[in-house]
All heavy atoms as atom14 arrays in JSON, in Angstrom:
{
  "sequence": "LENAQKNYKRTEMLAQKDLVATIDVDADKK",
  "atom14_mask": [
    [1, 1, 1, 1, 1, 1, 1, 1, 0, 0, 0, 0, 0, 0],
    [1, 1, 1, 1, 1, 1, 1, 1, 1, 0, 0, 0, 0, 0],
    [1, 1, 1, 1, 1, 1, 1, 1, 0, 0, 0, 0, 0, 0],
    [1, 1, 1, 1, 1, 0, 0, 0, 0, 0, 0, 0, 0, 0],
    [1, 1, 1, 1, 1, 1, 1, 1, 1, 0, 0, 0, 0, 0],
    [1, 1, 1, 1, 1, 1, 1, 1, 1, 0, 0, 0, 0, 0],
    [1, 1, 1, 1, 1, 1, 1, 1, 0, 0, 0, 0, 0, 0],
    [1, 1, 1, 1, 1, 1, 1, 1, 1, 1, 1, 1, 0, 0],
    [1, 1, 1, 1, 1, 1, 1, 1, 1, 0, 0, 0, 0, 0],
    [1, 1, 1, 1, 1, 1, 1, 1, 1, 1, 1, 0, 0, 0],
    [1, 1, 1, 1, 1, 1, 1, 0, 0, 0, 0, 0, 0, 0],
    [1, 1, 1, 1, 1, 1, 1, 1, 1, 0, 0, 0, 0, 0],
    [1, 1, 1, 1, 1, 1, 1, 1, 0, 0, 0, 0, 0, 0],
    [1, 1, 1, 1, 1, 1, 1, 1, 0, 0, 0, 0, 0, 0],
    [1, 1, 1, 1, 1, 0, 0, 0, 0, 0, 0, 0, 0, 0],
    [1, 1, 1, 1, 1, 1, 1, 1, 1, 0, 0, 0, 0, 0],
    [1, 1, 1, 1, 1, 1, 1, 1, 1, 0, 0, 0, 0, 0],
    [1, 1, 1, 1, 1, 1, 1, 1, 0, 0, 0, 0, 0, 0],
    [1, 1, 1, 1, 1, 1, 1, 1, 0, 0, 0, 0, 0, 0],
    [1, 1, 1, 1, 1, 1, 1, 0, 0, 0, 0, 0, 0, 0],
    [1, 1, 1, 1, 1, 0, 0, 0, 0, 0, 0, 0, 0, 0],
    [1, 1, 1, 1, 1, 1, 1, 0, 0, 0, 0, 0, 0, 0],
    [1, 1, 1, 1, 1, 1, 1, 1, 0, 0, 0, 0, 0, 0],
    [1, 1, 1, 1, 1, 1, 1, 1, 0, 0, 0, 0, 0, 0],
    [1, 1, 1, 1, 1, 1, 1, 0, 0, 0, 0, 0, 0, 0],
    [1, 1, 1, 1, 1, 1, 1, 1, 0, 0, 0, 0, 0, 0],
    [1, 1, 1, 1, 1, 0, 0, 0, 0, 0, 0, 0, 0, 0],
    [1, 1, 1, 1, 1, 1, 1, 1, 0, 0, 0, 0, 0, 0],
    [1, 1, 1, 1, 1, 1, 1, 1, 1, 0, 0, 0, 0, 0],
    [1, 1, 1, 1, 1, 1, 1, 1, 1, 0, 0, 0, 0, 0]
  ],
  "atom14_positions": [
    [[5.83, 9.14, -33.4], [4.77, 8.42, -32.7], [4.84, 6.92, -32.98], [4.7, 6.09, -32.06], [3.4, 8.98, -33.12], [2.16, 8.25, -32.55], [2.18, 8.3, -31.02], [0.89, 8.85, -33.11], [0.0, 0.0, 0.0], [0.0, 0.0, 0.0], [0.0, 0.0, 0.0], [0.0, 0.0, 0.0], [0.0, 0.0, 0.0], [0.0, 0.0, 0.0]],
    [[5.05, 6.56, -34.23], [5.15, 5.15, -34.58], [6.32, 4.48, -33.84], [6.2, 3.36, -33.34], [5.31, 4.99, -36.09], [4.06, 5.35, -36.87], [4.29, 5.25, -38.37], [5.42, 4.88, -38.76], [3.36, 5.55, -39.13], [0.0, 0.0, 0.0], [0.0, 0.0, 0.0], [0.0, 0.0, 0.0], [0.0, 0.0, 0.0], [0.0, 0.0, 0.0]],
    [[7.45, 5.17, -33.77], [8.62, 4.63, -33.07], [8.34, 4.49, -31.58], [8.72, 3.5, -30.94], [9.83, 5.54, -33.31], [11.1, 4.95, -32.76], [11.44, 3.79, -33.03], [11.83, 5.73, -31.95], [0.0, 0.0, 0.0], [0.0, 0.0, 0.0], [0.0, 0.0, 0.0], [0.0, 0.0, 0.0], [0.0, 0.0, 0.0], [0.0, 0.0, 0.0]],
    [[7.64, 5.49, -31.0], [7.31, 5.43, -29.57], [6.36, 4.29, -29.29], [6.46, 3.62, -28.24], [6.71, 6.77, -29.13], [0.0, 0.0, 0.0], [0.0, 0.0, 0.0], [0.0, 0.0, 0.0], [0.0, 0.0, 0.0], [0.0, 0.0, 0.0], [0.0, 0.0, 0.0], [0.0, 0.0, 0.0], [0.0, 0.0, 0.0], [0.0, 0.0, 0.0]],
    [[5.42, 4.05, -30.2], [4.47, 2.95, -30.02], [5.21, 1.59, -30.02], [4.92, 0.69, -29.21], [3.42, 2.98, -31.13], [2.41, 4.12, -30.97], [1.48, 4.22, -32.18], [1.83, 3.75, -33.28], [0.31, 4.82, -31.96], [0.0, 0.0, 0.0], [0.0, 0.0, 0.0], [0.0, 0.0, 0.0], [0.0, 0.0, 0.0], [0.0, 0.0, 0.0]],
    [[6.19, 1.45, -30.94], [6.95, 0.2, -31.02], [7.78, -0.01, -29.75], [7.83, -1.1, -29.19], [7.86, 0.2, -32.25], [7.1, 0.13, -33.56], [8.06, 0.19, -34.75], [7.31, 0.15, -36.07], [8.26, 0.24, -37.22], [0.0, 0.0, 0.0], [0.0, 0.0, 0.0], [0.0, 0.0, 0.0], [0.0, 0.0, 0.0], [0.0, 0.0, 0.0]],
    [[8.46, 1.04, -29.3], [9.3, 0.93, -28.11], [8.46, 0.57, -26.88], [8.86, -0.27, -26.06], [10.04, 2.25, -27.85], [11.13, 2.49, -28.88], [11.62, 1.54, -29.52], [11.54, 3.75, -29.05], [0.0, 0.0, 0.0], [0.0, 0.0, 0.0], [0.0, 0.0, 0.0], [0.0, 0.0, 0.0], [0.0, 0.0, 0.0], [0.0, 0.0, 0.0]],
    [[7.32, 1.23, -26.74], [6.48, 0.96, -25.56], [5.94, -0.47, -25.6], [5.92, -1.17, -24.57], [5.32, 1.96, -25.52], [4.36, 1.68, -24.39], [4.75, 1.87, -23.06], [3.07, 1.19, -24.65], [3.88, 1.58, -22.02], [2.2, 0.93, -23.62], [2.6, 1.13, -22.3], [1.74, 0.84, -21.27], [0.0, 0.0, 0.0], [0.0, 0.0, 0.0]],
    [[5.58, -0.95, -26.79], [5.05, -2.3, -26.91], [6.13, -3.34, -26.57], [5.87, -4.32, -25.85], [4.53, -2.52, -28.33], [3.81, -3.86, -28.51], [3.23, -3.95, -29.93], [2.48, -5.28, -30.1], [1.91, -5.38, -31.46], [0.0, 0.0, 0.0], [0.0, 0.0, 0.0], [0.0, 0.0, 0.0], [0.0, 0.0, 0.0], [0.0, 0.0, 0.0]],
    [[7.36, -3.1, -27.06], [8.46, -4.05, -26.77], [8.82, -4.02, -25.3], [9.01, -5.06, -24.67], [9.68, -3.66, -27.63], [10.86, -4.64, -27.45], [12.02, -4.33, -28.38], [12.58, -3.01, -28.13], [12.41, -1.97, -28.91], [11.69, -2.09, -30.02], [12.95, -0.82, -28.61], [0.0, 0.0, 0.0], [0.0, 0.0, 0.0], [0.0, 0.0, 0.0]],
    [[8.87, -2.81, -24.71], [9.24, -2.71, -23.28], [8.19, -3.37, -22.41], [8.5, -4.02, -21.39], [9.41, -1.23, -22.89], [10.39, -0.64, -23.75], [9.86, -1.1, -21.45], [0.0, 0.0, 0.0], [0.0, 0.0, 0.0], [0.0, 0.0, 0.0], [0.0, 0.0, 0.0], [0.0, 0.0, 0.0], [0.0, 0.0, 0.0], [0.0, 0.0, 0.0]],
    [[6.96, -3.24, -22.76], [5.86, -3.82, -21.98], [5.93, -5.35, -22.02], [5.72, -6.03, -20.99], [4.52, -3.32, -22.54], [3.34, -3.64, -21.62], [2.05, -3.06, -22.13], [1.88, -2.97, -23.37], [1.2, -2.67, -21.32], [0.0, 0.0, 0.0], [0.0, 0.0, 0.0], [0.0, 0.0, 0.0], [0.0, 0.0, 0.0], [0.0, 0.0, 0.0]],
    [[6.27, -5.94, -23.17], [6.42, -7.4, -23.27], [7.6, -7.89, -22.43], [7.49, -8.91, -21.74], [6.62, -7.8, -24.74], [5.39, -7.57, -25.6], [5.7, -7.96, -27.35], [6.14, -9.68, -27.23], [0.0, 0.0, 0.0], [0.0, 0.0, 0.0], [0.0, 0.0, 0.0], [0.0, 0.0, 0.0], [0.0, 0.0, 0.0], [0.0, 0.0, 0.0]],
    [[8.7, -7.16, -22.43], [9.86, -7.55, -21.63], [9.56, -7.42, -20.14], [10.06, -8.22, -19.31], [11.07, -6.69, -22.01], [11.62, -6.9, -23.43], [12.72, -5.89, -23.74], [12.14, -8.34, -23.58], [0.0, 0.0, 0.0], [0.0, 0.0, 0.0], [0.0, 0.0, 0.0], [0.0, 0.0, 0.0], [0.0, 0.0, 0.0], [0.0, 0.0, 0.0]],
    [[8.77, -6.42, -19.8], [8.42, -6.23, -18.4], [7.6, -7.39, -17.88], [7.71, -7.78, -16.7], [7.68, -4.92, -18.21], [0.0, 0.0, 0.0], [0.0, 0.0, 0.0], [0.0, 0.0, 0.0], [0.0, 0.0, 0.0], [0.0, 0.0, 0.0], [0.0, 0.0, 0.0], [0.0, 0.0, 0.0], [0.0, 0.0, 0.0], [0.0, 0.0, 0.0]],
    [[6.78, -7.97, -18.73], [5.97, -9.11, -18.32], [6.85, -10.35, -18.0], [6.46, -11.22, -17.22], [4.95, -9.45, -19.42], [3.85, -8.39, -19.58], [2.93, -8.7, -20.74], [3.17, -9.68, -21.48], [1.89, -7.87, -20.92], [0.0, 0.0, 0.0], [0.0, 0.0, 0.0], [0.0, 0.0, 0.0], [0.0, 0.0, 0.0], [0.0, 0.0, 0.0]],
    [[8.05, -10.38, -18.58], [8.99, -11.48, -18.33], [10.06, -11.09, -17.3], [11.05, -11.79, -17.13], [9.67, -11.9, -19.64], [8.69, -12.41, -20.68], [9.42, -12.77, -21.97], [8.46, -13.26, -23.05], [9.15, -13.59, -24.3], [0.0, 0.0, 0.0], [0.0, 0.0, 0.0], [0.0, 0.0, 0.0], [0.0, 0.0, 0.0], [0.0, 0.0, 0.0]],
    [[9.83, -9.9, -16.69], [10.76, -9.37, -15.69], [12.16, -9.17, -16.24], [13.17, -9.35, -15.54], [10.81, -10.29, -14.45], [9.49, -10.32, -13.72], [8.77, -9.26, -13.76], [9.14, -11.36, -13.14], [0.0, 0.0, 0.0], [0.0, 0.0, 0.0], [0.0, 0.0, 0.0], [0.0, 0.0, 0.0], [0.0, 0.0, 0.0], [0.0, 0.0, 0.0]],
    [[12.21, -8.79, -17.54], [13.52, -8.58, -18.15], [13.93, -7.11, -18.13], [15.08, -6.78, -18.41], [13.5, -9.07, -19.61], [13.26, -10.59, -19.78], [13.19, -10.94, -21.26], [14.38, -11.38, -19.09], [0.0, 0.0, 0.0], [0.0, 0.0, 0.0], [0.0, 0.0, 0.0], [0.0, 0.0, 0.0], [0.0, 0.0, 0.0], [0.0, 0.0, 0.0]],
    [[12.97, -6.21, -17.89], [13.29, -4.78, -17.78], [12.64, -4.24, -16.52], [11.66, -4.8, -15.99], [12.78, -3.98, -18.99], [13.52, -4.37, -20.24], [11.28, -4.13, -19.17], [0.0, 0.0, 0.0], [0.0, 0.0, 0.0], [0.0, 0.0, 0.0], [0.0, 0.0, 0.0], [0.0, 0.0, 0.0], [0.0, 0.0, 0.0], [0.0, 0.0, 0.0]],
    [[13.19, -3.11, -16.07], [12.65, -2.52, -14.86], [11.37, -1.73, -15.18], [11.13, -1.29, -16.32], [13.67, -1.6, -14.22], [0.0, 0.0, 0.0], [0.0, 0.0, 0.0], [0.0, 0.0, 0.0], [0.0, 0.0, 0.0], [0.0, 0.0, 0.0], [0.0, 0.0, 0.0], [0.0, 0.0, 0.0], [0.0, 0.0, 0.0], [0.0, 0.0, 0.0]],
    [[10.58, -1.52, -14.15], [9.33, -0.76, -14.31], [9.59, 0.67, -14.75], [8.82, 1.27, -15.52], [8.56, -0.75, -12.98], [8.33, -2.1, -12.55], [7.23, -0.03, -13.13], [0.0, 0.0, 0.0], [0.0, 0.0, 0.0], [0.0, 0.0, 0.0], [0.0, 0.0, 0.0], [0.0, 0.0, 0.0], [0.0, 0.0, 0.0], [0.0, 0.0, 0.0]],
    [[10.72, 1.21, -14.29], [11.05, 2.59, -14.65], [11.25, 2.73, -16.14], [10.92, 3.78, -16.73], [12.31, 3.03, -13.87], [12.48, 4.56, -14.05], [13.54, 2.27, -14.34], [13.58, 5.12, -13.16], [0.0, 0.0, 0.0], [0.0, 0.0, 0.0], [0.0, 0.0, 0.0], [0.0, 0.0, 0.0], [0.0, 0.0, 0.0], [0.0, 0.0, 0.0]],
    [[11.72, 1.7, -16.82], [11.9, 1.75, -18.27], [10.53, 1.75, -18.98], [10.35, 2.42, -20.0], [12.74, 0.55, -18.74], [14.17, 0.64, -18.23], [14.65, 1.79, -18.04], [14.79, -0.42, -18.04], [0.0, 0.0, 0.0], [0.0, 0.0, 0.0], [0.0, 0.0, 0.0], [0.0, 0.0, 0.0], [0.0, 0.0, 0.0], [0.0, 0.0, 0.0]],
    [[9.62, 0.96, -18.42], [8.27, 0.94, -19.0], [7.62, 2.32, -18.91], [7.01, 2.82, -19.85], [7.4, -0.12, -18.29], [5.97, -0.07, -18.83], [7.99, -1.51, -18.47], [0.0, 0.0, 0.0], [0.0, 0.0, 0.0], [0.0, 0.0, 0.0], [0.0, 0.0, 0.0], [0.0, 0.0, 0.0], [0.0, 0.0, 0.0], [0.0, 0.0, 0.0]],
    [[7.76, 2.93, -17.75], [7.18, 4.26, -17.56], [7.79, 5.3, -18.49], [7.09, 6.19, -19.0], [7.37, 4.7, -16.11], [6.57, 3.83, -15.13], [5.6, 3.18, -15.59], [6.91, 3.82, -13.94], [0.0, 0.0, 0.0], [0.0, 0.0, 0.0], [0.0, 0.0, 0.0], [0.0, 0.0, 0.0], [0.0, 0.0, 0.0], [0.0, 0.0, 0.0]],
    [[9.09, 5.2, -18.72], [9.76, 6.15, -19.6], [9.26, 6.02, -21.03], [8.99, 7.03, -21.72], [11.26, 5.95, -19.54], [0.0, 0.0, 0.0], [0.0, 0.0, 0.0], [0.0, 0.0, 0.0], [0.0, 0.0, 0.0], [0.0, 0.0, 0.0], [0.0, 0.0, 0.0], [0.0, 0.0, 0.0], [0.0, 0.0, 0.0], [0.0, 0.0, 0.0]],
    [[9.1, 4.76, -21.5], [8.6, 4.56, -22.87], [7.13, 4.99, -23.01], [6.71, 5.5, -24.06], [8.75, 3.1, -23.28], [10.21, 2.71, -23.53], [11.02, 3.66, -23.72], [10.52, 1.52, -23.56], [0.0, 0.0, 0.0], [0.0, 0.0, 0.0], [0.0, 0.0, 0.0], [0.0, 0.0, 0.0], [0.0, 0.0, 0.0], [0.0, 0.0, 0.0]],
    [[6.36, 4.79, -21.94], [4.95, 5.22, -21.99], [4.85, 6.75, -22.07], [4.04, 7.31, -22.81], [4.21, 4.71, -20.77], [2.72, 5.02, -20.81], [2.01, 4.4, -19.61], [0.51, 4.68, -19.7], [-0.22, 4.09, -18.54], [0.0, 0.0, 0.0], [0.0, 0.0, 0.0], [0.0, 0.0, 0.0], [0.0, 0.0, 0.0], [0.0, 0.0, 0.0]],
    [[5.7, 7.43, -21.32], [5.72, 8.89, -21.35], [6.11, 9.4, -22.73], [5.53, 10.36, -23.24], [6.69, 9.41, -20.3], [6.73, 10.93, -20.22], [7.69, 11.38, -19.13], [7.75, 12.9, -19.07], [8.71, 13.36, -18.01], [0.0, 0.0, 0.0], [0.0, 0.0, 0.0], [0.0, 0.0, 0.0], [0.0, 0.0, 0.0], [0.0, 0.0, 0.0]]
  ]
}
């Protein structure tokens, strides 16, 4: 859970800068 929380937080920050695709954000949230 702790690892998933870190991954989702990092992916969400990158998504705000348009550095990752939305599909990656959704995968980390799941």
